[in-house]
Amino acid sequence: MQVLRRATINGGRAVGLDRLIGSLEPGKRADLIGLNLFGSAHPVAVYKVVSQVVYCARPSNVELAMVNGRVLLRNREVLGLDEPGFLHQAQAAGTDLVAWLEERRK
């Protein structure tokens, strides 16, 4: 629980935003993820959910992501984003960055 608190409410306090983030309360931003701990094989059985989340959860367990109350990922599908187009743009930007860095080295 201590690690989970550090990542949530204490994280909000650390950046001076605990009145807005870090816990689920009325008036606060709803930034959260939903995990499916049974969707893929894990090295151990799920007996203590908090321990499972802290020590064993991985990106492939994320089924839902919500930022400020807006669902951005549902059933592992990015909503409202042309994901292939975005990945193409990211690759092009990376290629441009490498070319720019190489030019600066000359």
PDB file of N, CA and C in Angstrom:
ATOM      1  N   MET A   1       0.824  -1.193   0.000  1.00  0.00           N
ATOM      2  CA  MET A   1       0.000   0.000   0.000  1.00  0.00           C
ATOM      3  C   MET A   1       0.865   1.252   0.000  1.00  0.00           C
ATOM      4  N   GLN A   2       2.013   1.178   0.647  1.00  0.00           N
ATOM      5  CA  GLN A   2       2.879   2.350   0.736  1.00  0.00           C
ATOM      6  C   GLN A   2       3.347   2.799  -0.658  1.00  0.00           C
ATOM      7  N   VAL A   3       3.710   1.863  -1.498  1.00  0.00           N
ATOM      8  CA  VAL A   3       4.145   2.200  -2.860  1.00  0.00           C
ATOM      9  C   VAL A   3       2.980   2.776  -3.660  1.00  0.00           C
ATOM     10  N   LEU A   4       1.803   2.206  -3.528  1.00  0.00           N
ATOM     11  CA  LEU A   4       0.630   2.714  -4.231  1.00  0.00           C
ATOM     12  C   LEU A   4       0.289   4.135  -3.771  1.00  0.00           C
ATOM     13  N   ARG A   5       0.377   4.389  -2.476  1.00  0.00           N
ATOM     14  CA  ARG A   5       0.137   5.751  -1.968  1.00  0.00           C
ATOM     15  C   ARG A   5       1.173   6.736  -2.504  1.00  0.00           C
ATOM     16  N   ARG A   6       2.425   6.289  -2.587  1.00  0.00           N
ATOM     17  CA  ARG A   6       3.471   7.170  -3.124  1.00  0.00           C
ATOM     18  C   ARG A   6       3.193   7.541  -4.578  1.00  0.00           C
ATOM     19  N   ALA A   7       2.623   6.624  -5.320  1.00  0.00           N
ATOM     20  CA  ALA A   7       2.345   6.870  -6.735  1.00  0.00           C
ATOM     21  C   ALA A   7       1.066   7.670  -6.946  1.00  0.00           C
ATOM     22  N   THR A   8       0.222   7.770  -5.941  1.00  0.00           N
ATOM     23  CA  THR A   8      -1.078   8.434  -6.114  1.00  0.00           C
ATOM     24  C   THR A   8      -1.144   9.697  -5.262  1.00  0.00           C
ATOM     25  N   ILE A   9      -1.700   9.614  -4.088  1.00  0.00           N
ATOM     26  CA  ILE A   9      -1.930  10.802  -3.270  1.00  0.00           C
ATOM     27  C   ILE A   9      -0.637  11.517  -2.909  1.00  0.00           C
ATOM     28  N   ASN A  10       0.404  10.783  -2.573  1.00  0.00           N
ATOM     29  CA  ASN A  10       1.669  11.439  -2.227  1.00  0.00           C
ATOM     30  C   ASN A  10       2.337  12.038  -3.460  1.00  0.00           C
ATOM     31  N   GLY A  11       2.087  11.460  -4.627  1.00  0.00           N
ATOM     32  CA  GLY A  11       2.585  12.058  -5.863  1.00  0.00           C
ATOM     33  C   GLY A  11       1.934  13.404  -6.107  1.00  0.00           C
ATOM     34  N   GLY A  12       0.629  13.487  -5.867  1.00  0.00           N
ATOM     35  CA  GLY A  12      -0.075  14.762  -5.980  1.00  0.00           C
ATOM     36  C   GLY A  12       0.461  15.791  -5.003  1.00  0.00           C
ATOM     37  N   ARG A  13       0.720  15.366  -3.777  1.00  0.00           N
ATOM     38  CA  ARG A  13       1.288  16.277  -2.770  1.00  0.00           C
ATOM     39  C   ARG A  13       2.680  16.747  -3.173  1.00  0.00           C
ATOM     40  N   ALA A  14       3.476  15.840  -3.724  1.00  0.00           N
ATOM     41  CA  ALA A  14       4.859  16.169  -4.088  1.00  0.00           C
ATOM     42  C   ALA A  14       4.935  17.282  -5.123  1.00  0.00           C
ATOM     43  N   VAL A  15       3.951  17.356  -5.991  1.00  0.00           N
ATOM     44  CA  VAL A  15       3.957  18.398  -7.022  1.00  0.00           C
ATOM     45  C   VAL A  15       3.012  19.545  -6.675  1.00  0.00           C
ATOM     46  N   GLY A  16       2.493  19.541  -5.447  1.00  0.00           N
ATOM     47  CA  GLY A  16       1.637  20.620  -4.978  1.00  0.00           C
ATOM     48  C   GLY A  16       0.258  20.661  -5.608  1.00  0.00           C
ATOM     49  N   LEU A  17      -0.205  19.516  -6.115  1.00  0.00           N
ATOM     50  CA  LEU A  17      -1.504  19.460  -6.782  1.00  0.00           C
ATOM     51  C   LEU A  17      -2.479  18.497  -6.106  1.00  0.00           C
ATOM     52  N   ASP A  18      -2.235  18.173  -4.854  1.00  0.00           N
ATOM     53  CA  ASP A  18      -3.075  17.176  -4.186  1.00  0.00           C
ATOM     54  C   ASP A  18      -4.538  17.611  -4.054  1.00  0.00           C
ATOM     55  N   ARG A  19      -4.837  18.892  -4.226  1.00  0.00           N
ATOM     56  CA  ARG A  19      -6.248  19.313  -4.216  1.00  0.00           C
ATOM     57  C   ARG A  19      -6.929  18.965  -5.537  1.00  0.00           C
ATOM     58  N   LEU A  20      -6.119  18.624  -6.579  1.00  0.00           N
ATOM     59  CA  LEU A  20      -6.660  18.288  -7.896  1.00  0.00           C
ATOM     60  C   LEU A  20      -6.450  16.834  -8.299  1.00  0.00           C
ATOM     61  N   ILE A  21      -5.352  16.230  -7.846  1.00  0.00           N
ATOM     62  CA  ILE A  21      -4.991  14.882  -8.302  1.00  0.00           C
ATOM     63  C   ILE A  21      -4.532  14.014  -7.128  1.00  0.00           C
ATOM     64  N   GLY A  22      -4.433  12.739  -7.380  1.00  0.00           N
ATOM     65  CA  GLY A  22      -3.864  11.817  -6.402  1.00  0.00           C
ATOM     66  C   GLY A  22      -4.866  10.902  -5.728  1.00  0.00           C
ATOM     67  N   SER A  23      -6.139  11.276  -5.787  1.00  0.00           N
ATOM     68  CA  SER A  23      -7.184  10.427  -5.209  1.00  0.00           C
ATOM     69  C   SER A  23      -8.472  10.688  -5.974  1.00  0.00           C
ATOM     70  N   LEU A  24      -9.383   9.746  -5.888  1.00  0.00           N
ATOM     71  CA  LEU A  24     -10.676   9.893  -6.555  1.00  0.00           C
ATOM     72  C   LEU A  24     -11.669  10.499  -5.579  1.00  0.00           C
ATOM     73  N   GLU A  25     -11.953  11.787  -5.784  1.00  0.00           N
ATOM     74  CA  GLU A  25     -12.878  12.524  -4.935  1.00  0.00           C
ATOM     75  C   GLU A  25     -13.639  13.516  -5.791  1.00  0.00           C
ATOM     76  N   PRO A  26     -14.862  13.884  -5.372  1.00  0.00           N
ATOM     77  CA  PRO A  26     -15.597  14.902  -6.126  1.00  0.00           C
ATOM     78  C   PRO A  26     -14.775  16.183  -6.262  1.00  0.00           C
ATOM     79  N   GLY A  27     -14.762  16.738  -7.471  1.00  0.00           N
ATOM     80  CA  GLY A  27     -14.029  17.968  -7.733  1.00  0.00           C
ATOM     81  C   GLY A  27     -12.606  17.772  -8.190  1.00  0.00           C
ATOM     82  N   LYS A  28     -12.084  16.551  -8.062  1.00  0.00           N
ATOM     83  CA  LYS A  28     -10.730  16.278  -8.520  1.00  0.00           C
ATOM     84  C   LYS A  28     -10.774  15.715  -9.931  1.00  0.00           C
ATOM     85  N   ARG A  29      -9.646  15.813 -10.617  1.00  0.00           N
ATOM     86  CA  ARG A  29      -9.540  15.242 -11.957  1.00  0.00           C
ATOM     87  C   ARG A  29      -9.613  13.721 -11.841  1.00  0.00           C
ATOM     88  N   ALA A  30     -10.287  13.121 -12.771  1.00  0.00           N
ATOM     89  CA  ALA A  30     -10.385  11.662 -12.768  1.00  0.00           C
ATOM     90  C   ALA A  30      -9.352  11.120 -13.744  1.00  0.00           C
ATOM     91  N   ASP A  31      -8.121  10.999 -13.278  1.00  0.00           N
ATOM     92  CA  ASP A  31      -7.050  10.379 -14.048  1.00  0.00           C
ATOM     93  C   ASP A  31      -6.845   8.989 -13.468  1.00  0.00           C
ATOM     94  N   LEU A  32      -7.154   7.965 -14.245  1.00  0.00           N
ATOM     95  CA  LEU A  32      -7.033   6.613 -13.716  1.00  0.00           C
ATOM     96  C   LEU A  32      -6.836   5.599 -14.838  1.00  0.00           C
ATOM     97  N   ILE A  33      -6.416   4.433 -14.433  1.00  0.00           N
ATOM     98  CA  ILE A  33      -6.328   3.309 -15.362  1.00  0.00           C
ATOM     99  C   ILE A  33      -7.102   2.140 -14.775  1.00  0.00           C
ATOM    100  N   GLY A  34      -7.608   1.302 -15.662  1.00  0.00           N
ATOM    101  CA  GLY A  34      -8.254   0.061 -15.263  1.00  0.00           C
ATOM    102  C   GLY A  34      -7.389  -1.089 -15.736  1.00  0.00           C
ATOM    103  N   LEU A  35      -7.101  -1.987 -14.846  1.00  0.00           N
ATOM    104  CA  LEU A  35      -6.224  -3.116 -15.158  1.00  0.00           C
ATOM    105  C   LEU A  35      -7.002  -4.418 -15.196  1.00  0.00           C
ATOM    106  N   ASN A  36      -6.599  -5.301 -16.076  1.00  0.00           N
ATOM    107  CA  ASN A  36      -7.110  -6.667 -16.106  1.00  0.00           C
ATOM    108  C   ASN A  36      -5.950  -7.562 -15.704  1.00  0.00           C
ATOM    109  N   LEU A  37      -5.965  -7.996 -14.461  1.00  0.00           N
ATOM    110  CA  LEU A  37      -4.864  -8.827 -13.960  1.00  0.00           C
ATOM    111  C   LEU A  37      -5.016 -10.288 -14.331  1.00  0.00           C
ATOM    112  N   PHE A  38      -6.134 -10.644 -14.940  1.00  0.00           N
ATOM    113  CA  PHE A  38      -6.372 -12.033 -15.303  1.00  0.00           C
ATOM    114  C   PHE A  38      -6.317 -12.244 -16.815  1.00  0.00           C
ATOM    115  N   GLY A  39      -6.067 -11.177 -17.574  1.00  0.00           N
ATOM    116  CA  GLY A  39      -6.096 -11.253 -19.028  1.00  0.00           C
ATOM    117  C   GLY A  39      -4.893 -11.922 -19.655  1.00  0.00           C
ATOM    118  N   SER A  40      -3.794 -12.001 -18.931  1.00  0.00           N
ATOM    119  CA  SER A  40      -2.598 -12.650 -19.464  1.00  0.00           C
ATOM    120  C   SER A  40      -1.900 -13.377 -18.324  1.00  0.00           C
ATOM    121  N   ALA A  41      -1.030 -14.265 -18.694  1.00  0.00           N
ATOM    122  CA  ALA A  41      -0.333 -15.064 -17.686  1.00  0.00           C
ATOM    123  C   ALA A  41       0.575 -14.185 -16.832  1.00  0.00           C
ATOM    124  N   HIS A  42       0.613 -14.469 -15.552  1.00  0.00           N
ATOM    125  CA  HIS A  42       1.478 -13.765 -14.620  1.00  0.00           C
ATOM    126  C   HIS A  42       2.349 -14.790 -13.918  1.00  0.00           C
ATOM    127  N   PRO A  43       3.483 -14.332 -13.402  1.00  0.00           N
ATOM    128  CA  PRO A  43       4.365 -15.276 -12.728  1.00  0.00           C
ATOM    129  C   PRO A  43       3.806 -15.815 -11.421  1.00  0.00           C
ATOM    130  N   VAL A  44       2.803 -15.133 -10.858  1.00  0.00           N
ATOM    131  CA  VAL A  44       2.208 -15.601  -9.604  1.00  0.00           C
ATOM    132  C   VAL A  44       0.699 -15.449  -9.685  1.00  0.00           C
ATOM    133  N   ALA A  45       0.003 -16.197  -8.860  1.00  0.00           N
ATOM    134  CA  ALA A  45      -1.455 -16.072  -8.794  1.00  0.00           C
ATOM    135  C   ALA A  45      -1.817 -14.768  -8.088  1.00  0.00           C
ATOM    136  N   VAL A  46      -2.996 -14.244  -8.373  1.00  0.00           N
ATOM    137  CA  VAL A  46      -3.439 -12.987  -7.766  1.00  0.00           C
ATOM    138  C   VAL A  46      -4.114 -13.295  -6.431  1.00  0.00           C
ATOM    139  N   TYR A  47      -3.396 -13.022  -5.346  1.00  0.00           N
ATOM    140  CA  TYR A  47      -3.953 -13.187  -4.007  1.00  0.00           C
ATOM    141  C   TYR A  47      -4.151 -11.833  -3.347  1.00  0.00           C
ATOM    142  N   LYS A  48      -3.164 -10.962  -3.504  1.00  0.00           N
ATOM    143  CA  LYS A  48      -3.228  -9.613  -2.946  1.00  0.00           C
ATOM    144  C   LYS A  48      -3.181  -8.645  -4.115  1.00  0.00           C
ATOM    145  N   VAL A  49      -4.303  -8.034  -4.422  1.00  0.00           N
ATOM    146  CA  VAL A  49      -4.421  -7.201  -5.622  1.00  0.00           C
ATOM    147  C   VAL A  49      -3.424  -6.051  -5.609  1.00  0.00           C
ATOM    148  N   VAL A  50      -3.281  -5.352  -4.491  1.00  0.00           N
ATOM    149  CA  VAL A  50      -2.357  -4.218  -4.445  1.00  0.00           C
ATOM    150  C   VAL A  50      -0.935  -4.680  -4.737  1.00  0.00           C
ATOM    151  N   SER A  51      -0.514  -5.759  -4.143  1.00  0.00           N
ATOM    152  CA  SER A  51       0.834  -6.278  -4.408  1.00  0.00           C
ATOM    153  C   SER A  51       0.987  -6.682  -5.870  1.00  0.00           C
ATOM    154  N   GLN A  52      -0.043  -7.277  -6.430  1.00  0.00           N
ATOM    155  CA  GLN A  52      -0.012  -7.672  -7.834  1.00  0.00           C
ATOM    156  C   GLN A  52       0.170  -6.445  -8.729  1.00  0.00           C
ATOM    157  N   VAL A  53      -0.569  -5.382  -8.436  1.00  0.00           N
ATOM    158  CA  VAL A  53      -0.464  -4.158  -9.230  1.00  0.00           C
ATOM    159  C   VAL A  53       0.939  -3.574  -9.115  1.00  0.00           C
ATOM    160  N   VAL A  54       1.444  -3.452  -7.904  1.00  0.00           N
ATOM    161  CA  VAL A  54       2.743  -2.816  -7.679  1.00  0.00           C
ATOM    162  C   VAL A  54       3.887  -3.630  -8.267  1.00  0.00           C
ATOM    163  N   TYR A  55       3.878  -4.924  -8.071  1.00  0.00           N
ATOM    164  CA  TYR A  55       5.031  -5.737  -8.441  1.00  0.00           C
ATOM    165  C   TYR A  55       4.928  -6.442  -9.796  1.00  0.00           C
ATOM    166  N   CYS A  56       3.730  -6.707 -10.275  1.00  0.00           N
ATOM    167  CA  CYS A  56       3.610  -7.560 -11.456  1.00  0.00           C
ATOM    168  C   CYS A  56       2.869  -6.954 -12.632  1.00  0.00           C
ATOM    169  N   ALA A  57       2.087  -5.913 -12.418  1.00  0.00           N
ATOM    170  CA  ALA A  57       1.313  -5.352 -13.528  1.00  0.00           C
ATOM    171  C   ALA A  57       2.252  -4.775 -14.569  1.00  0.00           C
ATOM    172  N   ARG A  58       1.821  -4.871 -15.809  1.00  0.00           N
ATOM    173  CA  ARG A  58       2.625  -4.352 -16.921  1.00  0.00           C
ATOM    174  C   ARG A  58       1.692  -3.661 -17.905  1.00  0.00           C
ATOM    175  N   PRO A  59       2.244  -2.930 -18.851  1.00  0.00           N
ATOM    176  CA  PRO A  59       1.397  -2.186 -19.794  1.00  0.00           C
ATOM    177  C   PRO A  59       0.326  -3.027 -20.469  1.00  0.00           C
ATOM    178  N   SER A  60       0.606  -4.276 -20.734  1.00  0.00           N
ATOM    179  CA  SER A  60      -0.383  -5.125 -21.404  1.00  0.00           C
ATOM    180  C   SER A  60      -1.618  -5.383 -20.541  1.00  0.00           C
ATOM    181  N   ASN A  61      -1.551  -5.079 -19.240  1.00  0.00           N
ATOM    182  CA  ASN A  61      -2.708  -5.241 -18.353  1.00  0.00           C
ATOM    183  C   ASN A  61      -3.661  -4.058 -18.406  1.00  0.00           C
ATOM    184  N   VAL A  62      -3.240  -2.940 -18.988  1.00  0.00           N
ATOM    185  CA  VAL A  62      -4.078  -1.739 -19.014  1.00  0.00           C
ATOM    186  C   VAL A  62      -5.188  -1.924 -20.040  1.00  0.00           C
ATOM    187  N   GLU A  63      -6.424  -1.873 -19.565  1.00  0.00           N
ATOM    188  CA  GLU A  63      -7.604  -2.023 -20.414  1.00  0.00           C
ATOM    189  C   GLU A  63      -8.312  -0.688 -20.619  1.00  0.00           C
ATOM    190  N   LEU A  64      -8.151   0.224 -19.658  1.00  0.00           N
ATOM    191  CA  LEU A  64      -8.866   1.497 -19.669  1.00  0.00           C
ATOM    192  C   LEU A  64      -7.925   2.582 -19.173  1.00  0.00           C
ATOM    193  N   ALA A  65      -7.942   3.733 -19.841  1.00  0.00           N
ATOM    194  CA  ALA A  65      -7.199   4.903 -19.365  1.00  0.00           C
ATOM    195  C   ALA A  65      -8.122   6.107 -19.465  1.00  0.00           C
ATOM    196  N   MET A  66      -8.178   6.857 -18.383  1.00  0.00           N
ATOM    197  CA  MET A  66      -9.042   8.032 -18.323  1.00  0.00           C
ATOM    198  C   MET A  66      -8.186   9.201 -17.848  1.00  0.00           C
ATOM    199  N   VAL A  67      -8.286  10.329 -18.539  1.00  0.00           N
ATOM    200  CA  VAL A  67      -7.563  11.543 -18.170  1.00  0.00           C
ATOM    201  C   VAL A  67      -8.579  12.663 -17.998  1.00  0.00           C
ATOM    202  N   ASN A  68      -8.591  13.226 -16.805  1.00  0.00           N
ATOM    203  CA  ASN A  68      -9.532  14.294 -16.458  1.00  0.00           C
ATOM    204  C   ASN A  68     -10.976  13.901 -16.783  1.00  0.00           C
ATOM    205  N   GLY A  69     -11.296  12.652 -16.523  1.00  0.00           N
ATOM    206  CA  GLY A  69     -12.647  12.153 -16.734  1.00  0.00           C
ATOM    207  C   GLY A  69     -12.963  11.723 -18.156  1.00  0.00           C
ATOM    208  N   ARG A  70     -12.027  11.898 -19.067  1.00  0.00           N
ATOM    209  CA  ARG A  70     -12.246  11.547 -20.476  1.00  0.00           C
ATOM    210  C   ARG A  70     -11.564  10.214 -20.780  1.00  0.00           C
ATOM    211  N   VAL A  71     -12.340   9.262 -21.283  1.00  0.00           N
ATOM    212  CA  VAL A  71     -11.793   7.946 -21.616  1.00  0.00           C
ATOM    213  C   VAL A  71     -10.964   8.075 -22.893  1.00  0.00           C
ATOM    214  N   LEU A  72      -9.677   7.717 -22.787  1.00  0.00           N
ATOM    215  CA  LEU A  72      -8.773   7.771 -23.934  1.00  0.00           C
ATOM    216  C   LEU A  72      -8.443   6.382 -24.470  1.00  0.00           C
ATOM    217  N   LEU A  73      -8.609   5.365 -23.624  1.00  0.00           N
ATOM    218  CA  LEU A  73      -8.318   3.992 -24.012  1.00  0.00           C
ATOM    219  C   LEU A  73      -9.406   3.114 -23.415  1.00  0.00           C
ATOM    220  N   ARG A  74     -10.052   2.313 -24.252  1.00  0.00           N
ATOM    221  CA  ARG A  74     -11.078   1.392 -23.770  1.00  0.00           C
ATOM    222  C   ARG A  74     -10.849   0.053 -24.466  1.00  0.00           C
ATOM    223  N   ASN A  75     -10.846  -1.016 -23.684  1.00  0.00           N
ATOM    224  CA  ASN A  75     -10.588  -2.364 -24.219  1.00  0.00           C
ATOM    225  C   ASN A  75      -9.298  -2.392 -25.030  1.00  0.00           C
ATOM    226  N   ARG A  76      -8.286  -1.674 -24.504  1.00  0.00           N
ATOM    227  CA  ARG A  76      -6.945  -1.603 -25.100  1.00  0.00           C
ATOM    228  C   ARG A  76      -6.948  -0.930 -26.471  1.00  0.00           C
ATOM    229  N   GLU A  77      -7.992  -0.186 -26.790  1.00  0.00           N
ATOM    230  CA  GLU A  77      -8.079   0.536 -28.054  1.00  0.00           C
ATOM    231  C   GLU A  77      -8.040   2.032 -27.783  1.00  0.00           C
ATOM    232  N   VAL A  78      -7.124   2.733 -28.453  1.00  0.00           N
ATOM    233  CA  VAL A  78      -7.017   4.181 -28.305  1.00  0.00           C
ATOM    234  C   VAL A  78      -8.221   4.819 -28.985  1.00  0.00           C
ATOM    235  N   LEU A  79      -8.912   5.700 -28.260  1.00  0.00           N
ATOM    236  CA  LEU A  79     -10.109   6.344 -28.794  1.00  0.00           C
ATOM    237  C   LEU A  79      -9.771   7.747 -29.298  1.00  0.00           C
ATOM    238  N   GLY A  80     -10.396   8.141 -30.400  1.00  0.00           N
ATOM    239  CA  GLY A  80     -10.237   9.496 -30.909  1.00  0.00           C
ATOM    240  C   GLY A  80      -8.864   9.801 -31.457  1.00  0.00           C
ATOM    241  N   LEU A  81      -8.145   8.791 -31.900  1.00  0.00           N
ATOM    242  CA  LEU A  81      -6.806   8.993 -32.431  1.00  0.00           C
ATOM    243  C   LEU A  81      -6.590   8.051 -33.603  1.00  0.00           C
ATOM    244  N   ASP A  82      -6.088   8.596 -34.676  1.00  0.00           N
ATOM    245  CA  ASP A  82      -5.689   7.777 -35.813  1.00  0.00           C
ATOM    246  C   ASP A  82      -4.323   7.190 -35.461  1.00  0.00           C
ATOM    247  N   GLU A  83      -4.340   6.047 -34.777  1.00  0.00           N
ATOM    248  CA  GLU A  83      -3.102   5.477 -34.253  1.00  0.00           C
ATOM    249  C   GLU A  83      -2.078   5.178 -35.350  1.00  0.00           C
ATOM    250  N   PRO A  84      -2.464   4.539 -36.467  1.00  0.00           N
ATOM    251  CA  PRO A  84      -1.460   4.322 -37.523  1.00  0.00           C
ATOM    252  C   PRO A  84      -0.887   5.641 -38.063  1.00  0.00           C
ATOM    253  N   GLY A  85      -1.744   6.643 -38.239  1.00  0.00           N
ATOM    254  CA  GLY A  85      -1.268   7.943 -38.707  1.00  0.00           C
ATOM    255  C   GLY A  85      -0.332   8.599 -37.709  1.00  0.00           C
ATOM    256  N   PHE A  86      -0.689   8.494 -36.433  1.00  0.00           N
ATOM    257  CA  PHE A  86       0.154   9.053 -35.377  1.00  0.00           C
ATOM    258  C   PHE A  86       1.520   8.370 -35.359  1.00  0.00           C
ATOM    259  N   LEU A  87       1.532   7.056 -35.456  1.00  0.00           N
ATOM    260  CA  LEU A  87       2.799   6.327 -35.459  1.00  0.00           C
ATOM    261  C   LEU A  87       3.637   6.682 -36.671  1.00  0.00           C
ATOM    262  N   HIS A  88       2.995   6.889 -37.813  1.00  0.00           N
ATOM    263  CA  HIS A  88       3.714   7.309 -39.024  1.00  0.00           C
ATOM    264  C   HIS A  88       4.347   8.687 -38.798  1.00  0.00           C
ATOM    265  N   GLN A  89       3.594   9.619 -38.228  1.00  0.00           N
ATOM    266  CA  GLN A  89       4.127  10.955 -37.950  1.00  0.00           C
ATOM    267  C   GLN A  89       5.274  10.896 -36.946  1.00  0.00           C
ATOM    268  N   ALA A  90       5.142  10.052 -35.942  1.00  0.00           N
ATOM    269  CA  ALA A  90       6.200   9.915 -34.940  1.00  0.00           C
ATOM    270  C   ALA A  90       7.467   9.365 -35.571  1.00  0.00           C
ATOM    271  N   GLN A  91       7.324   8.387 -36.455  1.00  0.00           N
ATOM    272  CA  GLN A  91       8.487   7.829 -37.138  1.00  0.00           C
ATOM    273  C   GLN A  91       9.154   8.890 -38.007  1.00  0.00           C
ATOM    274  N   ALA A  92       8.353   9.662 -38.727  1.00  0.00           N
ATOM    275  CA  ALA A  92       8.901  10.726 -39.582  1.00  0.00           C
ATOM    276  C   ALA A  92       9.617  11.773 -38.733  1.00  0.00           C
ATOM    277  N   ALA A  93       9.041  12.133 -37.595  1.00  0.00           N
ATOM    278  CA  ALA A  93       9.678  13.108 -36.714  1.00  0.00           C
ATOM    279  C   ALA A  93      10.997  12.572 -36.177  1.00  0.00           C
ATOM    280  N   GLY A  94      11.030  11.290 -35.848  1.00  0.00           N
ATOM    281  CA  GLY A  94      12.272  10.667 -35.381  1.00  0.00           C
ATOM    282  C   GLY A  94      13.341  10.671 -36.459  1.00  0.00           C
ATOM    283  N   THR A  95      12.943  10.369 -37.673  1.00  0.00           N
ATOM    284  CA  THR A  95      13.880  10.384 -38.801  1.00  0.00           C
ATOM    285  C   THR A  95      14.431  11.796 -39.001  1.00  0.00           C
ATOM    286  N   ASP A  96      13.551  12.801 -38.943  1.00  0.00           N
ATOM    287  CA  ASP A  96      13.980  14.194 -39.084  1.00  0.00           C
ATOM    288  C   ASP A  96      14.934  14.590 -37.965  1.00  0.00           C
ATOM    289  N   LEU A  97      14.658  14.153 -36.747  1.00  0.00           N
ATOM    290  CA  LEU A  97      15.514  14.477 -35.615  1.00  0.00           C
ATOM    291  C   LEU A  97      16.902  13.881 -35.788  1.00  0.00           C
ATOM    292  N   VAL A  98      16.974  12.637 -36.211  1.00  0.00           N
ATOM    293  CA  VAL A  98      18.275  11.995 -36.426  1.00  0.00           C
ATOM    294  C   VAL A  98      19.050  12.738 -37.504  1.00  0.00           C
ATOM    295  N   ALA A  99      18.396  13.109 -38.591  1.00  0.00           N
ATOM    296  CA  ALA A  99      19.063  13.864 -39.664  1.00  0.00           C
ATOM    297  C   ALA A  99      19.554  15.205 -39.152  1.00  0.00           C
ATOM    298  N   TRP A 100      18.736  15.889 -38.349  1.00  0.00           N
ATOM    299  CA  TRP A 100      19.137  17.185 -37.785  1.00  0.00           C
ATOM    300  C   TRP A 100      20.350  17.027 -36.871  1.00  0.00           C
ATOM    301  N   LEU A 101      20.343  16.012 -36.031  1.00  0.00           N
ATOM    302  CA  LEU A 101      21.480  15.762 -35.129  1.00  0.00           C
ATOM    303  C   LEU A 101      22.751  15.459 -35.922  1.00  0.00           C
ATOM    304  N   GLU A 102      22.621  14.654 -36.943  1.00  0.00           N
ATOM    305  CA  GLU A 102      23.783  14.329 -37.768  1.00  0.00           C
ATOM    306  C   GLU A 102      24.329  15.581 -38.465  1.00  0.00           C
ATOM    307  N   GLU A 103      23.451  16.446 -38.905  1.00  0.00           N
ATOM    308  CA  GLU A 103      23.877  17.689 -39.560  1.00  0.00           C
ATOM    309  C   GLU A 103      24.603  18.606 -38.579  1.00  0.00           C
ATOM    310  N   ARG A 104      24.133  18.646 -37.350  1.00  0.00           N
ATOM    311  CA  ARG A 104      24.766  19.506 -36.327  1.00  0.00           C
ATOM    312  C   ARG A 104      26.147  19.005 -35.944  1.00  0.00           C
ATOM    313  N   ARG A 105      26.384  17.721 -36.083  1.00  0.00           N
ATOM    314  CA  ARG A 105      27.699  17.146 -35.733  1.00  0.00           C
ATOM    315  C   ARG A 105      28.775  17.545 -36.731  1.00  0.00           C
ATOM    316  N   LYS A 106      28.363  17.922 -37.939  1.00  0.00           N
ATOM    317  CA  LYS A 106      29.341  18.265 -38.979  1.00  0.00           C
ATOM    318  C   LYS A 106      30.010  19.573 -38.721  1.00  0.00           C
TER     319      LYS A 106
END
